[in-house]
Amino acid sequence: MTEALALPTAFFLGLLGGTHCLGMCGGIAATVAMGNPGGKQNPWLLLGYNSGRIFSYAIAGALLGSLSWLIENPVIQLALRTFAGLMLVLMGLYIAQWWQLLTRLEQAGGILWKQISPLASRLLPVRNLKQALLLGMLWGWLPCGLVYSTLIWASAASDWSKSAALMAAFGLGTLPAMLLTGMLAAQMKQLLQKRMTKHISGSLIILMGLYTIPWQGLAA
């Protein structure tokens, strides 16, 4: 695996994407955390939900990474790495709210989500760890430009197990924001929704995307 497709990079992508996770999944995280009768917060339910979500990311990475046999040609691999880098740039623009092109990817993913969302709704309100885990596994397929762009980036590893590991590391990177959002929703919302926070996070992701692009191979 190249340095650009390393697990720490995937983790930081998830960490920096926390500003977006708040808008996409913050509400459901807070709902899961308050699933107990009487409205008492239960961190175990929130951890179960997020574990299921990360598991789904890893499954998606394995599925897309399993297509590596289609891209054994070096030229195709170079094109995929370039495309993956460009997707990260688009992700950074998306996180910073400078250009929302990735919303079209989310719209395309809505077709699958229409089939899954009724199943997810049946698991609410969450009362036990099993429900939380299953809800997270379903919610992991929610149309999300951040996840889609990372998934395409991870597929450039050209190996199902590496792609799955990258997506799992990405999911772990989103975990701090999701856990804190679920337990301290109001406080995290104020921090993560600040424009400066989004701009800094988006800029760093753009730099990661530019680093991922194999410039020397393109110039050859």
C-alpha atoms as a PDB file:
ATOM      1  CA  MET A   1       0.000   0.000   0.000  1.00  0.00           C
ATOM      2  CA  THR A   2       1.357   3.416  -0.868  1.00  0.00           C
ATOM      3  CA  GLU A   3       1.904   6.030   1.794  1.00  0.00           C
ATOM      4  CA  ALA A   4      -1.004   8.066   0.443  1.00  0.00           C
ATOM      5  CA  LEU A   5      -3.319   5.095   1.030  1.00  0.00           C
ATOM      6  CA  ALA A   6      -2.281   4.509   4.634  1.00  0.00           C
ATOM      7  CA  LEU A   7      -4.511   3.801   7.636  1.00  0.00           C
ATOM      8  CA  PRO A   8      -3.538   7.018   9.499  1.00  0.00           C
ATOM      9  CA  THR A   9      -4.563   9.014   6.429  1.00  0.00           C
ATOM     10  CA  ALA A  10      -7.947   7.269   6.382  1.00  0.00           C
ATOM     11  CA  PHE A  11      -8.380   7.961  10.101  1.00  0.00           C
ATOM     12  CA  PHE A  12      -7.652  11.668   9.668  1.00  0.00           C
ATOM     13  CA  LEU A  13     -10.076  11.864   6.764  1.00  0.00           C
ATOM     14  CA  GLY A  14     -12.790  10.647   9.101  1.00  0.00           C
ATOM     15  CA  LEU A  15     -11.629  12.950  11.872  1.00  0.00           C
ATOM     16  CA  LEU A  16     -11.659  15.992   9.595  1.00  0.00           C
ATOM     17  CA  GLY A  17     -15.007  14.953   8.178  1.00  0.00           C
ATOM     18  CA  GLY A  18     -16.601  15.253  11.609  1.00  0.00           C
ATOM     19  CA  THR A  19     -18.038  18.633  10.658  1.00  0.00           C
ATOM     20  CA  HIS A  20     -20.126  16.895   8.009  1.00  0.00           C
ATOM     21  CA  CYS A  21     -21.029  13.897  10.182  1.00  0.00           C
ATOM     22  CA  LEU A  22     -22.811  16.221  12.579  1.00  0.00           C
ATOM     23  CA  GLY A  23     -25.276  17.260   9.911  1.00  0.00           C
ATOM     24  CA  MET A  24     -25.773  13.806   8.403  1.00  0.00           C
ATOM     25  CA  CYS A  25     -25.855  11.584  11.495  1.00  0.00           C
ATOM     26  CA  GLY A  26     -25.792  13.871  14.522  1.00  0.00           C
ATOM     27  CA  GLY A  27     -29.551  13.729  14.987  1.00  0.00           C
ATOM     28  CA  ILE A  28     -29.780   9.952  14.916  1.00  0.00           C
ATOM     29  CA  ALA A  29     -26.756   9.674  17.236  1.00  0.00           C
ATOM     30  CA  ALA A  30     -28.436  11.889  19.803  1.00  0.00           C
ATOM     31  CA  THR A  31     -31.651   9.859  19.443  1.00  0.00           C
ATOM     32  CA  VAL A  32     -29.805   6.593  20.040  1.00  0.00           C
ATOM     33  CA  ALA A  33     -28.007   7.988  23.075  1.00  0.00           C
ATOM     34  CA  MET A  34     -31.356   8.982  24.615  1.00  0.00           C
ATOM     35  CA  GLY A  35     -33.008   5.637  23.784  1.00  0.00           C
ATOM     36  CA  ASN A  36     -33.462   4.512  27.371  1.00  0.00           C
ATOM     37  CA  PRO A  37     -36.837   4.843  29.089  1.00  0.00           C
ATOM     38  CA  GLY A  38     -36.930   8.160  30.881  1.00  0.00           C
ATOM     39  CA  GLY A  39     -34.531   9.745  28.393  1.00  0.00           C
ATOM     40  CA  LYS A  40     -31.364   8.744  30.249  1.00  0.00           C
ATOM     41  CA  GLN A  41     -28.250   8.718  28.097  1.00  0.00           C
ATOM     42  CA  ASN A  42     -26.704   5.332  27.393  1.00  0.00           C
ATOM     43  CA  PRO A  43     -23.185   5.474  25.905  1.00  0.00           C
ATOM     44  CA  TRP A  44     -23.280   1.717  25.199  1.00  0.00           C
ATOM     45  CA  LEU A  45     -26.174   2.143  22.787  1.00  0.00           C
ATOM     46  CA  LEU A  46     -24.287   4.927  21.032  1.00  0.00           C
ATOM     47  CA  LEU A  47     -21.147   2.792  20.837  1.00  0.00           C
ATOM     48  CA  GLY A  48     -23.168  -0.118  19.430  1.00  0.00           C
ATOM     49  CA  TYR A  49     -24.740   2.110  16.791  1.00  0.00           C
ATOM     50  CA  ASN A  50     -21.365   3.445  15.694  1.00  0.00           C
ATOM     51  CA  SER A  51     -19.822  -0.025  15.656  1.00  0.00           C
ATOM     52  CA  GLY A  52     -22.518  -1.147  13.237  1.00  0.00           C
ATOM     53  CA  ARG A  53     -21.973   1.929  11.098  1.00  0.00           C
ATOM     54  CA  ILE A  54     -18.219   1.343  10.879  1.00  0.00           C
ATOM     55  CA  PHE A  55     -18.806  -2.325  10.056  1.00  0.00           C
ATOM     56  CA  SER A  56     -20.958  -1.292   7.079  1.00  0.00           C
ATOM     57  CA  TYR A  57     -18.212   1.043   5.867  1.00  0.00           C
ATOM     58  CA  ALA A  58     -15.740  -1.851   5.997  1.00  0.00           C
ATOM     59  CA  ILE A  59     -18.146  -4.101   4.074  1.00  0.00           C
ATOM     60  CA  ALA A  60     -18.588  -1.443   1.398  1.00  0.00           C
ATOM     61  CA  GLY A  61     -14.810  -1.084   1.154  1.00  0.00           C
ATOM     62  CA  ALA A  62     -14.385  -4.848   0.791  1.00  0.00           C
ATOM     63  CA  LEU A  63     -17.037  -5.014  -1.937  1.00  0.00           C
ATOM     64  CA  LEU A  64     -15.518  -2.235  -4.001  1.00  0.00           C
ATOM     65  CA  GLY A  65     -11.960  -3.347  -3.296  1.00  0.00           C
ATOM     66  CA  SER A  66     -12.820  -6.862  -4.493  1.00  0.00           C
ATOM     67  CA  LEU A  67     -13.063  -5.466  -8.011  1.00  0.00           C
ATOM     68  CA  SER A  68      -9.293  -4.944  -8.043  1.00  0.00           C
ATOM     69  CA  TRP A  69      -8.876  -7.745 -10.582  1.00  0.00           C
ATOM     70  CA  LEU A  70     -10.505  -5.403 -13.094  1.00  0.00           C
ATOM     71  CA  ILE A  71      -7.795  -2.776 -12.704  1.00  0.00           C
ATOM     72  CA  GLU A  72      -4.546  -4.742 -12.886  1.00  0.00           C
ATOM     73  CA  ASN A  73      -3.407  -2.655 -15.832  1.00  0.00           C
ATOM     74  CA  PRO A  74      -0.902  -0.005 -14.556  1.00  0.00           C
ATOM     75  CA  VAL A  75      -2.536   2.681 -16.711  1.00  0.00           C
ATOM     76  CA  ILE A  76      -5.933   1.960 -15.162  1.00  0.00           C
ATOM     77  CA  GLN A  77      -4.414   1.948 -11.674  1.00  0.00           C
ATOM     78  CA  LEU A  78      -2.823   5.329 -12.337  1.00  0.00           C
ATOM     79  CA  ALA A  79      -6.174   6.663 -13.535  1.00  0.00           C
ATOM     80  CA  LEU A  80      -7.922   5.318 -10.434  1.00  0.00           C
ATOM     81  CA  ARG A  81      -5.359   6.888  -8.080  1.00  0.00           C
ATOM     82  CA  THR A  82      -5.786  10.181  -9.908  1.00  0.00           C
ATOM     83  CA  PHE A  83      -9.563   9.921  -9.697  1.00  0.00           C
ATOM     84  CA  ALA A  84      -9.346   9.035  -6.007  1.00  0.00           C
ATOM     85  CA  GLY A  85      -7.234  12.133  -5.352  1.00  0.00           C
ATOM     86  CA  LEU A  86      -9.677  14.308  -7.229  1.00  0.00           C
ATOM     87  CA  MET A  87     -12.520  12.850  -5.163  1.00  0.00           C
ATOM     88  CA  LEU A  88     -10.707  13.909  -2.009  1.00  0.00           C
ATOM     89  CA  VAL A  89     -10.363  17.419  -3.395  1.00  0.00           C
ATOM     90  CA  LEU A  90     -14.107  17.438  -4.063  1.00  0.00           C
ATOM     91  CA  MET A  91     -14.656  16.130  -0.544  1.00  0.00           C
ATOM     92  CA  GLY A  92     -12.639  19.007   0.888  1.00  0.00           C
ATOM     93  CA  LEU A  93     -14.635  21.516  -1.134  1.00  0.00           C
ATOM     94  CA  TYR A  94     -17.791  19.786   0.092  1.00  0.00           C
ATOM     95  CA  ILE A  95     -16.782  19.862   3.764  1.00  0.00           C
ATOM     96  CA  ALA A  96     -15.753  23.519   3.536  1.00  0.00           C
ATOM     97  CA  GLN A  97     -19.034  24.285   1.739  1.00  0.00           C
ATOM     98  CA  TRP A  98     -17.219  25.902  -1.160  1.00  0.00           C
ATOM     99  CA  TRP A  99     -18.656  23.571  -3.833  1.00  0.00           C
ATOM    100  CA  GLN A 100     -21.416  21.000  -3.269  1.00  0.00           C
ATOM    101  CA  LEU A 101     -20.931  18.794  -6.329  1.00  0.00           C
ATOM    102  CA  LEU A 102     -20.867  15.651  -4.170  1.00  0.00           C
ATOM    103  CA  THR A 103     -24.538  16.143  -3.339  1.00  0.00           C
ATOM    104  CA  ARG A 104     -25.247  14.578  -6.744  1.00  0.00           C
ATOM    105  CA  LEU A 105     -23.565  11.390  -5.544  1.00  0.00           C
ATOM    106  CA  GLU A 106     -25.811  11.446  -2.499  1.00  0.00           C
ATOM    107  CA  GLN A 107     -28.858  11.774  -4.729  1.00  0.00           C
ATOM    108  CA  ALA A 108     -27.775   8.709  -6.699  1.00  0.00           C
ATOM    109  CA  GLY A 109     -27.313   6.737  -3.495  1.00  0.00           C
ATOM    110  CA  GLY A 110     -30.833   7.660  -2.452  1.00  0.00           C
ATOM    111  CA  ILE A 111     -32.158   4.854  -4.645  1.00  0.00           C
ATOM    112  CA  LEU A 112     -30.636   2.226  -2.349  1.00  0.00           C
ATOM    113  CA  TRP A 113     -31.521   4.165   0.783  1.00  0.00           C
ATOM    114  CA  LYS A 114     -35.231   4.122  -0.113  1.00  0.00           C
ATOM    115  CA  GLN A 115     -35.110   0.353   0.239  1.00  0.00           C
ATOM    116  CA  ILE A 116     -33.166   0.409   3.517  1.00  0.00           C
ATOM    117  CA  SER A 117     -34.734   3.332   5.394  1.00  0.00           C
ATOM    118  CA  PRO A 118     -38.022   1.523   6.243  1.00  0.00           C
ATOM    119  CA  LEU A 119     -36.016  -1.217   7.972  1.00  0.00           C
ATOM    120  CA  ALA A 120     -34.033   1.379   9.917  1.00  0.00           C
ATOM    121  CA  SER A 121     -37.213   3.140  11.017  1.00  0.00           C
ATOM    122  CA  ARG A 122     -38.523  -0.080  12.582  1.00  0.00           C
ATOM    123  CA  LEU A 123     -35.551  -0.142  14.947  1.00  0.00           C
ATOM    124  CA  LEU A 124     -36.471   3.207  16.499  1.00  0.00           C
ATOM    125  CA  PRO A 125     -36.600   3.957  19.346  1.00  0.00           C
ATOM    126  CA  VAL A 126     -33.496   1.973  20.249  1.00  0.00           C
ATOM    127  CA  ARG A 127     -33.949   0.028  23.498  1.00  0.00           C
ATOM    128  CA  ASN A 128     -31.038  -2.411  23.532  1.00  0.00           C
ATOM    129  CA  LEU A 129     -27.546  -3.006  22.186  1.00  0.00           C
ATOM    130  CA  LYS A 130     -28.723  -5.380  19.452  1.00  0.00           C
ATOM    131  CA  GLN A 131     -31.089  -2.759  18.049  1.00  0.00           C
ATOM    132  CA  ALA A 132     -28.353  -0.133  18.173  1.00  0.00           C
ATOM    133  CA  LEU A 133     -25.923  -2.381  16.311  1.00  0.00           C
ATOM    134  CA  LEU A 134     -28.445  -3.260  13.594  1.00  0.00           C
ATOM    135  CA  LEU A 135     -29.477   0.379  13.210  1.00  0.00           C
ATOM    136  CA  GLY A 136     -25.842   1.390  12.751  1.00  0.00           C
ATOM    137  CA  MET A 137     -25.314  -1.319  10.138  1.00  0.00           C
ATOM    138  CA  LEU A 138     -28.277   0.011   8.172  1.00  0.00           C
ATOM    139  CA  TRP A 139     -27.449   3.681   8.736  1.00  0.00           C
ATOM    140  CA  GLY A 140     -23.973   3.076   7.342  1.00  0.00           C
ATOM    141  CA  TRP A 141     -25.569   2.944   3.888  1.00  0.00           C
ATOM    142  CA  LEU A 142     -27.093   6.409   4.187  1.00  0.00           C
ATOM    143  CA  PRO A 143     -26.249   8.430   1.035  1.00  0.00           C
ATOM    144  CA  CYS A 144     -23.244  10.536   2.028  1.00  0.00           C
ATOM    145  CA  GLY A 145     -20.803  12.317  -0.262  1.00  0.00           C
ATOM    146  CA  LEU A 146     -18.107  12.093   2.412  1.00  0.00           C
ATOM    147  CA  VAL A 147     -18.398   8.301   2.614  1.00  0.00           C
ATOM    148  CA  TYR A 148     -18.684   7.861  -1.154  1.00  0.00           C
ATOM    149  CA  SER A 149     -15.577   9.891  -1.920  1.00  0.00           C
ATOM    150  CA  THR A 150     -13.600   8.070   0.772  1.00  0.00           C
ATOM    151  CA  LEU A 151     -14.845   4.753  -0.586  1.00  0.00           C
ATOM    152  CA  ILE A 152     -13.577   5.560  -4.072  1.00  0.00           C
ATOM    153  CA  TRP A 153     -10.270   6.675  -2.548  1.00  0.00           C
ATOM    154  CA  ALA A 154      -9.994   3.439  -0.543  1.00  0.00           C
ATOM    155  CA  SER A 155     -10.741   1.312  -3.622  1.00  0.00           C
ATOM    156  CA  ALA A 156      -7.478   2.558  -5.147  1.00  0.00           C
ATOM    157  CA  ALA A 157      -5.700   0.201  -2.718  1.00  0.00           C
ATOM    158  CA  SER A 158      -6.613  -2.517  -5.274  1.00  0.00           C
ATOM    159  CA  ASP A 159      -7.166  -5.163  -2.595  1.00  0.00           C
ATOM    160  CA  TRP A 160     -10.443  -5.954  -0.816  1.00  0.00           C
ATOM    161  CA  SER A 161      -8.871  -6.410   2.617  1.00  0.00           C
ATOM    162  CA  LYS A 162      -6.868  -3.169   2.397  1.00  0.00           C
ATOM    163  CA  SER A 163      -9.893  -1.247   1.140  1.00  0.00           C
ATOM    164  CA  ALA A 164     -11.971  -2.654   4.000  1.00  0.00           C
ATOM    165  CA  ALA A 165      -9.266  -1.700   6.527  1.00  0.00           C
ATOM    166  CA  LEU A 166      -9.070   1.831   5.119  1.00  0.00           C
ATOM    167  CA  MET A 167     -12.832   2.288   5.412  1.00  0.00           C
ATOM    168  CA  ALA A 168     -12.790   0.910   8.960  1.00  0.00           C
ATOM    169  CA  ALA A 169     -10.021   3.386   9.862  1.00  0.00           C
ATOM    170  CA  PHE A 170     -12.073   6.162   8.272  1.00  0.00           C
ATOM    171  CA  GLY A 171     -15.062   5.128  10.353  1.00  0.00           C
ATOM    172  CA  LEU A 172     -12.957   5.162  13.519  1.00  0.00           C
ATOM    173  CA  GLY A 173     -11.890   8.685  12.603  1.00  0.00           C
ATOM    174  CA  THR A 174     -15.522   9.796  12.610  1.00  0.00           C
ATOM    175  CA  LEU A 175     -16.102   8.155  15.989  1.00  0.00           C
ATOM    176  CA  PRO A 176     -14.962  11.012  18.289  1.00  0.00           C
ATOM    177  CA  ALA A 177     -17.336  13.499  16.677  1.00  0.00           C
ATOM    178  CA  MET A 178     -20.211  11.014  16.634  1.00  0.00           C
ATOM    179  CA  LEU A 179     -19.770   9.945  20.265  1.00  0.00           C
ATOM    180  CA  LEU A 180     -19.448  13.497  21.518  1.00  0.00           C
ATOM    181  CA  THR A 181     -22.345  14.615  19.344  1.00  0.00           C
ATOM    182  CA  GLY A 182     -24.551  11.904  20.779  1.00  0.00           C
ATOM    183  CA  MET A 183     -23.681  12.728  24.387  1.00  0.00           C
ATOM    184  CA  LEU A 184     -23.147  16.487  24.072  1.00  0.00           C
ATOM    185  CA  ALA A 185     -25.197  17.358  21.000  1.00  0.00           C
ATOM    186  CA  ALA A 186     -25.645  21.086  21.661  1.00  0.00           C
ATOM    187  CA  GLN A 187     -22.027  21.765  22.574  1.00  0.00           C
ATOM    188  CA  MET A 188     -20.615  19.820  19.607  1.00  0.00           C
ATOM    189  CA  LYS A 189     -23.039  21.462  17.212  1.00  0.00           C
ATOM    190  CA  GLN A 190     -21.730  24.886  18.136  1.00  0.00           C
ATOM    191  CA  LEU A 191     -18.109  23.817  17.584  1.00  0.00           C
ATOM    192  CA  LEU A 192     -18.412  21.701  14.435  1.00  0.00           C
ATOM    193  CA  GLN A 193     -20.796  24.012  12.624  1.00  0.00           C
ATOM    194  CA  LYS A 194     -18.493  27.008  12.876  1.00  0.00           C
ATOM    195  CA  ARG A 195     -17.488  28.202   9.432  1.00  0.00           C
ATOM    196  CA  MET A 196     -13.802  28.416  10.316  1.00  0.00           C
ATOM    197  CA  THR A 197     -13.800  24.782  11.514  1.00  0.00           C
ATOM    198  CA  LYS A 198     -15.311  23.643   8.227  1.00  0.00           C
ATOM    199  CA  HIS A 199     -12.883  25.721   6.165  1.00  0.00           C
ATOM    200  CA  ILE A 200      -9.823  24.364   7.994  1.00  0.00           C
ATOM    201  CA  SER A 201     -11.027  20.761   7.763  1.00  0.00           C
ATOM    202  CA  GLY A 202     -11.911  21.129   4.086  1.00  0.00           C
ATOM    203  CA  SER A 203      -8.550  22.703   3.256  1.00  0.00           C
ATOM    204  CA  LEU A 204      -6.634  19.866   4.925  1.00  0.00           C
ATOM    205  CA  ILE A 205      -8.633  17.254   3.015  1.00  0.00           C
ATOM    206  CA  ILE A 206      -7.936  19.083  -0.251  1.00  0.00           C
ATOM    207  CA  LEU A 207      -4.215  18.913   0.532  1.00  0.00           C
ATOM    208  CA  MET A 208      -4.542  15.174   1.176  1.00  0.00           C
ATOM    209  CA  GLY A 209      -6.249  14.797  -2.189  1.00  0.00           C
ATOM    210  CA  LEU A 210      -3.507  16.671  -3.996  1.00  0.00           C
ATOM    211  CA  TYR A 211      -0.942  14.485  -2.220  1.00  0.00           C
ATOM    212  CA  THR A 212      -2.770  11.323  -3.304  1.00  0.00           C
ATOM    213  CA  ILE A 213      -2.657  12.201  -7.006  1.00  0.00           C
ATOM    214  CA  PRO A 214       0.420  10.493  -8.584  1.00  0.00           C
ATOM    215  CA  TRP A 215       1.808  13.606 -10.277  1.00  0.00           C
ATOM    216  CA  GLN A 216       5.034  11.921 -11.386  1.00  0.00           C
ATOM    217  CA  GLY A 217       3.102   9.152 -13.105  1.00  0.00           C
ATOM    218  CA  LEU A 218       0.922  11.668 -14.925  1.00  0.00           C
ATOM    219  CA  ALA A 219       3.977  13.603 -16.083  1.00  0.00           C
ATOM    220  CA  ALA A 220       5.715  10.465 -17.367  1.00  0.00           C
END
